[in-house]
């Protein structure tokens, strides 16, 4: 069976793929000039990419200082039924959903139910002795020492309960001491979902629904369910020997874990971005915690916060994450100051979502005045 990964392979290159988009003010105190958006050039670039990569469909949103400047849909949401992608089409989030997992944890921190530097053993007493120094922050920042993903023989078609998944992860040998190095870990985020469920007294997905999606009006955002009727749901695809195939099937419980198992649409992500700009759910102090680069045991900083990759563009802080899962790829990024945000959703695996976003952002240029 093809191994599935909620994270895009290109995402690991971190800052190497950051591009320069100039929207800086020319003088101190002067407002940044609005972006000059060439919709025809963006459409041409995206359509060419979809055709060259045999990607069925895509959805794109560009937001500038709270204003939706461009909302586009391309191609097919469902190839078999020839259903076009529309602005309301629902895609899978992949690891972009880690942003929401980090938000769930920070809401519990804000509620006083845990601290980022709590030892995991305090909340998960079954943790082994080798985990004695592992904290909640280590899981959020991918510095726990846990493996990047499930082992080669992991059965994606088996249903696991949350306690079973927790036992499986706790049984994984650490590849480094907690805090020693940065290594992306999907199992670490699965364990965060287990932790949220325990401390909130309800399933992680229900907690997100009640504390994040409903308050923000993210009407179509939810945990994945293939059994439920989900209006405007896109189908996911993969390319095998040059031919388009349906996504691999995984068990229902493996599509509800906190490492990136969400349905989202463009409007959901626009509302999500607005909540970050306006500090709707978290206090400014708790929100700022999401975007602090992790400090390793050596004292060296790594450009990853709590569910967010961190970079610089034109001297400004650039926050982003990409994802890949079950025939979908996603990318969500924003300037920390809210000046520009971009959301890109695709329904084919190995589609190069980071490269595509790179090319689109290069087409955005500032309006200049004489």
Foldseek 3Di string as FASTA:
>chain_A
DDDWAFAAPVCVVFAVLDDAADQDDPDPPDHGFDWDDDVVVLVVLVVVLCVVLVFAWKWKWKDFLLRTPDTDIDGPLEDVVRHGQDLPAKEFARQLLLVLLLVLVLLCVVVVLDDQQDQVCVQVVVADPLSRRPGNQLLQQQQQQFAQEDDPPDAQADDDDLVRLVVVRSPGDGNDRRLADHDHHLSSQLVSQVSSCRSVVHHSQVSCVVQPCVVLVQPQKGQDDPPDDRPNYGWAWEADPNDIDGFDDGYRNVLRGSSTNMMGGPVSVSSVLVCLLVVVRHDPVSSVQQQDFDQGPVRDTAQGGRSWGWDDHPRFIKTKGWTTGRRKIWIWIATSNRRMIMIMITRGGPSPVSVSVSVSSVSIHGDDDD
